[in-house]
N, C-alpha and C. Protein backbone atom coordinates (compact mmCIF):
# COMPACT_ATOMS: atom_id res chain seq x y z
N UNK A 1 71.42 22.99 -41.49
CA UNK A 1 70.64 22.77 -41.03
C UNK A 1 69.79 21.33 -40.45
N UNK A 2 70.79 20.25 -40.62
CA UNK A 2 70.82 18.87 -40.07
C UNK A 2 71.17 19.14 -38.83
N UNK A 3 72.08 19.70 -38.20
CA UNK A 3 72.27 19.70 -36.86
C UNK A 3 71.36 20.60 -35.87
N UNK A 4 70.36 21.52 -36.77
CA UNK A 4 69.62 22.87 -35.80
C UNK A 4 68.72 21.76 -35.66
N UNK A 5 67.99 20.57 -36.30
CA UNK A 5 67.35 20.06 -36.17
C UNK A 5 67.70 18.71 -35.03
N UNK A 6 68.60 18.54 -35.20
CA UNK A 6 69.35 17.41 -33.93
C UNK A 6 69.18 18.37 -33.23
N UNK A 7 69.13 19.37 -32.66
CA UNK A 7 69.77 19.94 -31.55
C UNK A 7 67.79 20.14 -31.00
N UNK A 8 67.01 20.42 -32.00
CA UNK A 8 65.72 20.96 -31.56
C UNK A 8 65.04 19.14 -30.62
N UNK A 9 65.36 18.01 -31.09
CA UNK A 9 65.17 16.84 -31.01
C UNK A 9 65.70 16.15 -30.01
N UNK A 10 66.91 17.03 -29.26
CA UNK A 10 67.05 16.82 -28.32
C UNK A 10 66.68 17.37 -26.96
N UNK A 11 66.03 18.65 -27.01
CA UNK A 11 65.67 19.60 -26.34
C UNK A 11 64.62 19.13 -26.41
N UNK A 12 63.50 18.39 -27.31
CA UNK A 12 62.29 17.59 -27.12
C UNK A 12 62.23 16.79 -26.22
N UNK A 13 63.39 16.45 -26.48
CA UNK A 13 63.61 14.83 -25.65
C UNK A 13 64.06 15.57 -23.98
N UNK A 14 64.40 16.50 -24.13
CA UNK A 14 65.30 17.12 -22.61
C UNK A 14 63.69 17.36 -21.72
N UNK A 15 63.05 18.10 -22.28
CA UNK A 15 61.68 18.62 -21.62
C UNK A 15 60.63 17.91 -21.38
N UNK A 16 60.58 16.27 -22.41
CA UNK A 16 59.31 15.91 -22.60
C UNK A 16 60.14 14.35 -20.57
N UNK A 17 61.64 15.03 -20.76
CA UNK A 17 61.83 13.93 -19.92
C UNK A 17 61.80 14.48 -18.56
N UNK A 18 61.87 16.13 -18.39
CA UNK A 18 61.57 16.84 -17.81
C UNK A 18 59.94 16.50 -16.80
N UNK A 19 59.30 16.17 -17.90
CA UNK A 19 57.78 16.58 -17.92
C UNK A 19 56.80 15.32 -16.59
N UNK A 20 58.02 14.14 -17.49
CA UNK A 20 57.95 12.85 -16.88
C UNK A 20 58.82 12.98 -15.72
N UNK A 21 59.46 13.41 -15.27
CA UNK A 21 59.80 13.52 -13.94
C UNK A 21 59.47 14.09 -12.76
N UNK A 22 58.67 15.27 -13.56
CA UNK A 22 57.69 15.84 -12.49
C UNK A 22 56.33 15.15 -12.39
N UNK A 23 56.42 14.55 -13.58
CA UNK A 23 54.89 13.84 -13.17
C UNK A 23 55.10 12.75 -12.12
N UNK A 24 55.91 11.89 -12.95
CA UNK A 24 56.47 10.80 -10.94
C UNK A 24 56.65 11.01 -10.09
N UNK A 25 57.20 12.60 -9.23
CA UNK A 25 57.63 12.75 -8.23
C UNK A 25 55.93 13.06 -8.01
N UNK A 26 55.45 13.88 -8.64
CA UNK A 26 53.36 13.77 -8.11
C UNK A 26 53.03 12.35 -7.49
N UNK A 27 52.96 11.61 -8.27
CA UNK A 27 52.27 10.42 -8.13
C UNK A 27 52.96 9.50 -7.05
N UNK A 28 54.38 9.58 -7.12
CA UNK A 28 55.12 9.38 -5.60
C UNK A 28 54.75 9.72 -4.24
N UNK A 29 54.58 11.23 -4.70
CA UNK A 29 53.46 12.09 -3.42
C UNK A 29 52.74 11.15 -3.04
N UNK A 30 52.12 11.38 -4.25
CA UNK A 30 50.80 10.75 -4.29
C UNK A 30 50.16 9.01 -3.39
N UNK A 31 51.42 8.31 -4.25
CA UNK A 31 51.53 7.22 -3.28
C UNK A 31 51.88 6.88 -1.70
N UNK A 32 52.89 7.88 -1.99
CA UNK A 32 53.27 7.45 0.19
C UNK A 32 51.71 8.39 0.43
N UNK A 33 51.30 9.53 0.02
CA UNK A 33 49.95 9.49 1.00
C UNK A 33 48.68 8.42 0.68
N UNK A 34 48.89 7.45 0.57
CA UNK A 34 48.10 6.47 0.14
C UNK A 34 48.61 5.69 1.90
N UNK A 35 49.85 5.23 1.36
CA UNK A 35 50.74 4.34 1.64
C UNK A 35 50.56 4.56 3.61
N UNK A 36 50.30 6.09 3.95
CA UNK A 36 50.69 6.03 5.12
C UNK A 36 48.64 6.18 5.89
N UNK A 37 47.65 6.87 4.75
CA UNK A 37 46.35 6.78 5.38
C UNK A 37 46.04 5.63 5.69
N UNK A 38 46.78 4.61 4.48
CA UNK A 38 46.38 2.74 4.72
C UNK A 38 46.80 3.10 6.36
N UNK A 39 47.71 2.88 6.49
CA UNK A 39 48.40 2.77 7.87
C UNK A 39 47.79 3.17 8.89
N UNK A 40 47.28 4.18 8.58
CA UNK A 40 46.47 4.85 10.30
C UNK A 40 45.32 4.21 9.62
N UNK A 41 44.62 3.51 8.79
CA UNK A 41 43.56 2.95 8.54
C UNK A 41 43.24 1.72 9.30
N UNK A 42 44.85 0.85 9.34
CA UNK A 42 44.93 -0.60 9.58
C UNK A 42 44.77 -0.52 11.47
N UNK A 43 45.63 0.39 11.82
CA UNK A 43 45.67 0.68 13.36
C UNK A 43 44.57 1.21 13.57
N UNK A 44 43.58 1.93 13.44
CA UNK A 44 42.30 2.17 13.48
C UNK A 44 41.59 1.17 13.96
N UNK A 45 41.48 0.17 12.84
CA UNK A 45 40.78 -0.64 12.71
C UNK A 45 40.98 -1.74 13.50
N UNK A 46 42.47 -1.90 14.02
CA UNK A 46 42.76 -2.59 15.38
C UNK A 46 42.22 -2.24 16.74
N UNK A 47 42.26 -0.72 16.38
CA UNK A 47 41.97 -0.48 17.89
C UNK A 47 40.43 -0.36 18.19
N UNK A 48 39.40 -0.09 17.50
CA UNK A 48 38.26 -0.59 17.44
C UNK A 48 37.75 -2.13 16.94
N UNK A 49 38.28 -2.83 16.53
CA UNK A 49 38.63 -4.29 17.46
C UNK A 49 38.57 -4.53 18.43
N UNK A 50 39.90 -4.33 18.69
CA UNK A 50 39.98 -4.24 20.84
C UNK A 50 38.93 -3.46 21.47
N UNK A 51 38.53 -2.28 20.77
CA UNK A 51 37.34 -1.65 21.70
C UNK A 51 36.25 -2.52 21.54
N UNK A 52 35.63 -3.21 20.84
CA UNK A 52 34.50 -4.14 20.60
C UNK A 52 34.51 -5.18 21.48
N UNK A 53 35.52 -5.66 21.58
CA UNK A 53 35.98 -7.29 22.46
C UNK A 53 35.77 -6.48 23.95
N UNK A 54 36.60 -5.67 24.36
CA UNK A 54 36.24 -5.04 25.56
C UNK A 54 34.68 -4.53 25.99
N UNK A 55 33.94 -4.08 25.33
CA UNK A 55 32.87 -3.49 25.38
C UNK A 55 31.94 -4.90 25.57
N UNK A 56 31.86 -5.76 24.67
CA UNK A 56 31.47 -7.44 24.77
C UNK A 56 32.05 -7.97 25.94
N UNK A 57 33.55 -8.03 26.84
CA UNK A 57 33.22 -8.22 27.54
C UNK A 57 32.07 -7.82 28.98
N UNK A 58 32.23 -6.47 28.74
CA UNK A 58 31.60 -5.29 30.03
C UNK A 58 30.04 -5.96 30.15
N UNK A 59 29.67 -6.23 28.46
CA UNK A 59 28.40 -6.78 27.93
C UNK A 59 28.14 -7.94 29.04
N UNK A 60 28.53 -8.58 29.00
CA UNK A 60 28.18 -10.01 29.89
C UNK A 60 28.05 -10.45 31.09
N UNK A 61 28.40 -8.99 31.68
CA UNK A 61 28.75 -8.99 33.13
C UNK A 61 27.25 -8.75 34.01
N UNK A 62 26.88 -9.42 34.89
CA UNK A 62 26.03 -9.43 35.66
C UNK A 62 25.76 -7.90 36.49
N UNK A 63 24.87 -7.68 37.01
CA UNK A 63 24.61 -6.55 37.99
C UNK A 63 25.58 -6.18 38.44
N UNK A 64 26.12 -6.95 40.04
CA UNK A 64 27.08 -7.21 40.54
C UNK A 64 28.30 -6.82 40.45
N UNK A 65 28.69 -7.25 39.49
CA UNK A 65 30.38 -7.02 38.64
C UNK A 65 30.54 -5.44 37.90
N UNK A 66 28.80 -5.17 37.63
CA UNK A 66 28.61 -3.84 36.71
C UNK A 66 28.97 -2.40 37.93
N UNK A 67 28.59 -2.63 39.19
CA UNK A 67 28.12 -2.29 40.19
C UNK A 67 29.59 -1.84 40.94
N UNK A 68 30.75 -3.04 40.82
CA UNK A 68 31.70 -2.79 41.30
C UNK A 68 32.90 -2.16 40.18
N UNK A 69 32.32 -2.10 39.24
CA UNK A 69 33.13 -1.19 38.66
C UNK A 69 32.38 0.21 37.55
N UNK A 70 31.58 0.73 38.26
CA UNK A 70 30.87 1.79 38.58
C UNK A 70 32.24 3.20 38.56
N UNK A 71 32.01 3.93 37.73
CA UNK A 71 33.69 4.99 37.07
C UNK A 71 34.74 4.88 36.03
N UNK A 72 35.09 5.00 36.08
CA UNK A 72 36.02 5.05 35.09
C UNK A 72 37.48 4.75 35.37
N UNK A 73 38.09 3.53 34.68
CA UNK A 73 39.16 2.74 34.22
C UNK A 73 39.56 2.51 33.48
N UNK A 74 41.23 2.55 33.63
CA UNK A 74 41.96 2.47 32.86
C UNK A 74 42.34 1.03 32.20
N UNK A 75 42.06 0.73 31.19
CA UNK A 75 42.36 -0.79 31.15
C UNK A 75 43.73 -1.04 29.87
N UNK A 76 44.43 -1.13 29.44
CA UNK A 76 45.69 -0.88 28.28
C UNK A 76 45.86 1.07 27.87
N UNK A 77 45.36 1.01 26.85
CA UNK A 77 45.40 2.19 25.93
C UNK A 77 43.83 2.68 25.68
N UNK A 78 42.91 1.79 26.62
CA UNK A 78 41.37 2.45 26.58
C UNK A 78 41.11 2.59 28.07
N UNK A 79 40.09 3.70 27.87
CA UNK A 79 39.14 4.02 29.27
C UNK A 79 37.33 3.11 29.17
N UNK A 80 37.45 2.96 29.99
CA UNK A 80 36.27 2.48 30.33
C UNK A 80 35.64 3.04 31.52
N UNK A 81 34.71 3.52 30.79
CA UNK A 81 33.16 4.67 31.74
C UNK A 81 32.04 3.69 31.79
N UNK A 82 32.08 3.57 33.28
CA UNK A 82 30.59 2.65 33.49
C UNK A 82 29.95 3.31 34.47
N UNK A 83 28.07 3.78 34.05
CA UNK A 83 27.76 4.56 34.95
C UNK A 83 26.70 4.02 35.10
N UNK A 84 25.49 3.89 35.70
CA UNK A 84 24.30 4.18 36.25
C UNK A 84 23.16 5.17 37.07
N UNK A 85 22.98 5.26 35.27
CA UNK A 85 21.67 6.91 35.27
C UNK A 85 20.47 6.26 35.95
N UNK A 86 20.24 4.69 36.01
CA UNK A 86 18.75 4.43 36.58
C UNK A 86 19.19 3.53 37.04
N UNK A 87 18.22 2.97 37.88
CA UNK A 87 18.91 1.90 39.02
C UNK A 87 18.90 0.40 37.81
N UNK A 88 18.20 0.37 37.06
CA UNK A 88 18.02 -0.76 35.92
C UNK A 88 18.90 -0.39 34.90
N UNK A 89 19.21 0.48 34.39
CA UNK A 89 20.41 1.04 33.68
C UNK A 89 21.74 1.21 33.67
N UNK A 90 22.69 0.75 33.26
CA UNK A 90 24.24 1.06 32.81
C UNK A 90 24.83 1.56 31.42
N UNK A 91 25.57 2.08 32.26
CA UNK A 91 26.00 3.12 30.26
C UNK A 91 27.34 2.85 30.18
N UNK A 92 27.75 2.19 29.44
CA UNK A 92 29.41 2.04 29.03
C UNK A 92 29.92 1.93 27.80
N UNK A 93 31.04 3.25 28.37
CA UNK A 93 31.16 3.80 27.47
C UNK A 93 32.99 3.15 26.96
N UNK A 94 33.64 3.25 26.35
CA UNK A 94 35.20 2.95 25.77
C UNK A 94 35.58 4.28 24.90
N UNK A 95 36.84 4.87 25.24
CA UNK A 95 37.62 5.67 24.51
C UNK A 95 38.89 5.45 24.97
N UNK A 96 39.95 5.81 23.85
CA UNK A 96 41.11 5.88 23.76
C UNK A 96 41.67 6.75 24.32
N UNK A 97 42.81 6.37 25.06
CA UNK A 97 43.47 7.81 26.79
C UNK A 97 43.87 8.54 25.98
N UNK A 98 44.61 8.60 24.81
CA UNK A 98 44.90 9.74 23.77
C UNK A 98 43.52 10.66 23.27
N UNK A 99 42.43 10.01 23.11
CA UNK A 99 41.47 11.16 22.74
C UNK A 99 40.37 10.96 23.61
N UNK A 100 40.36 11.32 25.34
CA UNK A 100 39.54 10.66 26.48
C UNK A 100 38.14 11.27 25.95
N UNK A 101 37.96 12.43 25.42
CA UNK A 101 36.87 13.09 25.38
C UNK A 101 36.05 12.44 24.31
N UNK A 102 36.43 11.95 23.28
CA UNK A 102 35.86 11.04 22.72
C UNK A 102 35.51 9.63 22.76
N UNK A 103 34.33 9.67 22.85
CA UNK A 103 33.75 7.94 23.83
C UNK A 103 33.57 7.18 22.23
N UNK A 104 33.94 6.22 21.54
CA UNK A 104 34.45 5.22 20.43
C UNK A 104 33.12 4.60 20.27
N UNK A 105 33.03 4.05 21.24
CA UNK A 105 31.55 3.08 21.26
C UNK A 105 31.13 2.99 22.86
N UNK A 106 29.60 3.04 22.73
CA UNK A 106 28.45 3.02 24.28
C UNK A 106 27.51 1.83 23.85
N UNK A 107 26.94 1.78 24.62
CA UNK A 107 25.85 0.84 25.37
C UNK A 107 25.18 1.28 26.25
N UNK A 108 23.92 0.81 26.59
CA UNK A 108 23.49 0.78 27.69
C UNK A 108 22.88 -0.53 28.03
N UNK A 109 23.39 -1.25 29.29
CA UNK A 109 22.82 -2.16 29.79
C UNK A 109 21.54 -2.48 30.93
N UNK A 110 20.76 -3.46 30.07
CA UNK A 110 19.60 -3.69 31.49
C UNK A 110 19.70 -4.98 32.16
N UNK A 111 20.22 -4.55 33.81
CA UNK A 111 20.10 -5.25 34.29
C UNK A 111 18.99 -5.33 35.82
N UNK A 112 18.42 -6.02 35.74
CA UNK A 112 16.77 -6.39 36.76
C UNK A 112 17.45 -5.93 38.01
N UNK A 113 16.62 -5.30 38.77
CA UNK A 113 16.90 -4.78 39.57
C UNK A 113 16.03 -6.18 41.26
N UNK A 114 17.34 -6.13 41.84
CA UNK A 114 16.73 -7.25 42.83
C UNK A 114 16.00 -6.43 43.63
N UNK A 115 14.34 -7.18 43.70
CA UNK A 115 13.59 -6.75 44.18
C UNK A 115 11.93 -6.46 43.92
N UNK A 116 12.60 -6.24 42.85
CA UNK A 116 12.01 -5.43 41.90
C UNK A 116 10.87 -6.15 41.30
N UNK A 117 9.41 -5.76 41.56
CA UNK A 117 7.81 -6.45 40.95
C UNK A 117 8.17 -6.46 39.79
């Protein structure tokens, strides 16, 4: 009987190790997914900061400079679109070339029309 109880204990230990192995593999997969998500988040955060700096640079331009930049321009990995929906308004949008149909940042700038009352 003593040998049977030793065999049962060994079997219990093997089952416990198998359970811990599967649980550990699950945790490793979960941590790997979180690490990948964090990497993507950091990259996107850097891109957003770059886009914000680019938008700020356009926001300080005067009327004549904005008029010269009407249309879509490639600026590094970004596309900058400057439109003039009305005489005194300029719409500036920033998007990534990889996703050109998605505007990440948009602003409308007022520049006084010369000779306007």
